Amino acid sequence: MTGFVTHLRSFPAVSATGAVARALDMLLAWQERATERRRLSELSNHELADIGLDRATAIGEAGKPFWRP
């Protein structure tokens, strides 16, 4: 295991690229989550019922911060 970690440290560009990719994935997930929650809050009661939710549940979900799953 130690040899593997040492091996990875010898390629800083690879680990930096991976970190950037993970950060970008996280930002995109946050944006998607925020968009979905905003759209959920815009649905009518009839549309919410079609997907099995009530207004209180939709408001609760839409009120969560984007970083909270």
N, C-alpha and C. Protein backbone atom coordinates (compact mmCIF):
# COMPACT_ATOMS: atom_id res chain seq x y z
N MET A 1 0.83 -1.20 0.00
CA MET A 1 0.00 0.00 0.00
C MET A 1 0.86 1.25 0.00
N THR A 2 1.91 1.28 0.77
CA THR A 2 2.78 2.44 0.84
C THR A 2 3.41 2.71 -0.51
N GLY A 3 3.82 1.66 -1.22
CA GLY A 3 4.40 1.84 -2.55
C GLY A 3 3.43 2.48 -3.51
N PHE A 4 2.16 2.14 -3.41
CA PHE A 4 1.14 2.71 -4.28
C PHE A 4 0.96 4.19 -4.01
N VAL A 5 0.90 4.59 -2.75
CA VAL A 5 0.76 6.00 -2.39
C VAL A 5 1.97 6.78 -2.85
N THR A 6 3.14 6.26 -2.64
CA THR A 6 4.36 6.91 -3.10
C THR A 6 4.34 7.06 -4.61
N HIS A 7 3.87 6.04 -5.29
CA HIS A 7 3.79 6.07 -6.75
C HIS A 7 2.85 7.20 -7.20
N LEU A 8 1.71 7.35 -6.56
CA LEU A 8 0.76 8.40 -6.92
C LEU A 8 1.33 9.79 -6.69
N ARG A 9 2.09 9.94 -5.63
CA ARG A 9 2.68 11.25 -5.33
C ARG A 9 3.72 11.65 -6.37
N SER A 10 4.26 10.70 -7.10
CA SER A 10 5.24 11.03 -8.12
C SER A 10 4.58 11.57 -9.39
N PHE A 11 3.25 11.57 -9.44
CA PHE A 11 2.50 12.09 -10.58
C PHE A 11 1.54 13.18 -10.10
N PRO A 12 2.05 14.36 -9.72
CA PRO A 12 1.18 15.41 -9.18
C PRO A 12 0.14 15.91 -10.18
N ALA A 13 0.46 15.91 -11.47
CA ALA A 13 -0.51 16.39 -12.46
C ALA A 13 -1.73 15.48 -12.50
N VAL A 14 -1.51 14.18 -12.34
CA VAL A 14 -2.63 13.24 -12.36
C VAL A 14 -3.54 13.47 -11.16
N SER A 15 -2.96 13.63 -9.98
CA SER A 15 -3.79 13.84 -8.80
C SER A 15 -4.47 15.20 -8.84
N ALA A 16 -3.80 16.21 -9.38
CA ALA A 16 -4.41 17.53 -9.51
C ALA A 16 -5.57 17.48 -10.49
N THR A 17 -5.37 16.77 -11.59
CA THR A 17 -6.44 16.63 -12.58
C THR A 17 -7.63 15.91 -11.97
N GLY A 18 -7.36 14.88 -11.19
CA GLY A 18 -8.44 14.16 -10.52
C GLY A 18 -9.18 15.04 -9.54
N ALA A 19 -8.46 15.87 -8.82
CA ALA A 19 -9.09 16.78 -7.86
C ALA A 19 -9.96 17.80 -8.57
N VAL A 20 -9.48 18.31 -9.68
CA VAL A 20 -10.26 19.27 -10.46
C VAL A 20 -11.52 18.60 -11.01
N ALA A 21 -11.38 17.38 -11.50
CA ALA A 21 -12.53 16.65 -12.03
C ALA A 21 -13.57 16.40 -10.93
N ARG A 22 -13.10 16.01 -9.75
CA ARG A 22 -14.04 15.79 -8.63
C ARG A 22 -14.73 17.08 -8.22
N ALA A 23 -13.98 18.17 -8.20
CA ALA A 23 -14.58 19.47 -7.84
C ALA A 23 -15.61 19.88 -8.87
N LEU A 24 -15.30 19.68 -10.14
CA LEU A 24 -16.25 20.02 -11.20
C LEU A 24 -17.50 19.15 -11.09
N ASP A 25 -17.33 17.86 -10.84
CA ASP A 25 -18.47 16.96 -10.65
C ASP A 25 -19.35 17.44 -9.50
N MET A 26 -18.72 17.85 -8.41
CA MET A 26 -19.47 18.32 -7.25
C MET A 26 -20.24 19.60 -7.59
N LEU A 27 -19.60 20.53 -8.27
CA LEU A 27 -20.28 21.78 -8.64
C LEU A 27 -21.45 21.51 -9.57
N LEU A 28 -21.27 20.60 -10.52
CA LEU A 28 -22.36 20.27 -11.43
C LEU A 28 -23.51 19.58 -10.70
N ALA A 29 -23.19 18.72 -9.75
CA ALA A 29 -24.23 18.06 -8.95
C ALA A 29 -25.00 19.09 -8.13
N TRP A 30 -24.27 20.05 -7.54
CA TRP A 30 -24.94 21.10 -6.76
C TRP A 30 -25.86 21.93 -7.65
N GLN A 31 -25.40 22.25 -8.85
CA GLN A 31 -26.23 23.05 -9.76
C GLN A 31 -27.48 22.27 -10.16
N GLU A 32 -27.31 21.00 -10.47
CA GLU A 32 -28.45 20.17 -10.84
C GLU A 32 -29.44 20.05 -9.68
N ARG A 33 -28.92 19.86 -8.48
CA ARG A 33 -29.79 19.75 -7.30
C ARG A 33 -30.57 21.03 -7.07
N ALA A 34 -29.90 22.17 -7.20
CA ALA A 34 -30.58 23.46 -7.01
C ALA A 34 -31.66 23.67 -8.07
N THR A 35 -31.37 23.29 -9.30
CA THR A 35 -32.35 23.43 -10.39
C THR A 35 -33.55 22.52 -10.15
N GLU A 36 -33.29 21.27 -9.76
CA GLU A 36 -34.39 20.34 -9.51
C GLU A 36 -35.27 20.82 -8.36
N ARG A 37 -34.66 21.35 -7.32
CA ARG A 37 -35.45 21.84 -6.18
C ARG A 37 -36.27 23.07 -6.55
N ARG A 38 -35.70 23.95 -7.37
CA ARG A 38 -36.46 25.12 -7.82
C ARG A 38 -37.64 24.66 -8.66
N ARG A 39 -37.41 23.73 -9.57
CA ARG A 39 -38.50 23.22 -10.42
C ARG A 39 -39.56 22.51 -9.60
N LEU A 40 -39.15 21.78 -8.59
CA LEU A 40 -40.09 21.09 -7.72
C LEU A 40 -41.01 22.10 -7.05
N SER A 41 -40.45 23.23 -6.63
CA SER A 41 -41.26 24.25 -5.95
C SER A 41 -42.24 24.93 -6.90
N GLU A 42 -42.00 24.81 -8.20
CA GLU A 42 -42.87 25.45 -9.20
C GLU A 42 -44.01 24.55 -9.67
N LEU A 43 -44.00 23.27 -9.27
CA LEU A 43 -45.04 22.35 -9.71
C LEU A 43 -46.37 22.66 -9.04
N SER A 44 -47.44 22.40 -9.76
CA SER A 44 -48.79 22.57 -9.19
C SER A 44 -49.09 21.40 -8.26
N ASN A 45 -50.15 21.55 -7.45
CA ASN A 45 -50.55 20.46 -6.55
C ASN A 45 -50.89 19.20 -7.35
N HIS A 46 -51.51 19.38 -8.50
CA HIS A 46 -51.87 18.24 -9.35
C HIS A 46 -50.61 17.53 -9.86
N GLU A 47 -49.61 18.29 -10.29
CA GLU A 47 -48.36 17.70 -10.77
C GLU A 47 -47.62 16.99 -9.63
N LEU A 48 -47.65 17.60 -8.45
CA LEU A 48 -47.02 16.96 -7.29
C LEU A 48 -47.71 15.63 -6.96
N ALA A 49 -49.04 15.63 -7.02
CA ALA A 49 -49.78 14.40 -6.75
C ALA A 49 -49.43 13.32 -7.77
N ASP A 50 -49.18 13.71 -9.02
CA ASP A 50 -48.81 12.75 -10.05
C ASP A 50 -47.50 12.04 -9.73
N ILE A 51 -46.60 12.70 -9.02
CA ILE A 51 -45.32 12.07 -8.67
C ILE A 51 -45.29 11.59 -7.22
N GLY A 52 -46.46 11.63 -6.58
CA GLY A 52 -46.59 11.06 -5.24
C GLY A 52 -46.13 11.97 -4.11
N LEU A 53 -46.12 13.28 -4.33
CA LEU A 53 -45.72 14.22 -3.28
C LEU A 53 -46.86 15.17 -2.95
N ASP A 54 -46.82 15.71 -1.75
CA ASP A 54 -47.76 16.76 -1.40
C ASP A 54 -46.99 18.08 -1.32
N ARG A 55 -47.71 19.17 -1.18
CA ARG A 55 -47.09 20.50 -1.17
C ARG A 55 -46.08 20.65 -0.02
N ALA A 56 -46.42 20.15 1.16
CA ALA A 56 -45.53 20.30 2.32
C ALA A 56 -44.19 19.59 2.07
N THR A 57 -44.24 18.40 1.50
CA THR A 57 -43.01 17.67 1.20
C THR A 57 -42.18 18.41 0.16
N ALA A 58 -42.85 18.93 -0.86
CA ALA A 58 -42.15 19.68 -1.91
C ALA A 58 -41.50 20.94 -1.34
N ILE A 59 -42.20 21.64 -0.50
CA ILE A 59 -41.64 22.85 0.12
C ILE A 59 -40.44 22.50 0.99
N GLY A 60 -40.57 21.41 1.74
CA GLY A 60 -39.45 20.98 2.58
C GLY A 60 -38.21 20.64 1.77
N GLU A 61 -38.41 19.93 0.67
CA GLU A 61 -37.28 19.56 -0.19
C GLU A 61 -36.72 20.80 -0.90
N ALA A 62 -37.58 21.65 -1.39
CA ALA A 62 -37.13 22.84 -2.11
C ALA A 62 -36.40 23.82 -1.20
N GLY A 63 -36.69 23.76 0.09
CA GLY A 63 -36.06 24.67 1.03
C GLY A 63 -34.68 24.24 1.49
N LYS A 64 -34.26 23.05 1.12
CA LYS A 64 -32.93 22.57 1.52
C LYS A 64 -31.85 23.33 0.75
N PRO A 65 -30.70 23.56 1.37
CA PRO A 65 -29.59 24.16 0.64
C PRO A 65 -29.08 23.21 -0.44
N PHE A 66 -28.52 23.76 -1.50
CA PHE A 66 -28.08 22.94 -2.62
C PHE A 66 -27.01 21.91 -2.26
N TRP A 67 -26.24 22.18 -1.22
CA TRP A 67 -25.16 21.26 -0.88
C TRP A 67 -25.64 20.09 -0.02
N ARG A 68 -26.88 20.14 0.44
CA ARG A 68 -27.40 19.06 1.29
C ARG A 68 -28.19 18.08 0.44
N PRO A 69 -27.80 16.80 0.43
CA PRO A 69 -28.55 15.80 -0.36
C PRO A 69 -29.96 15.58 0.15
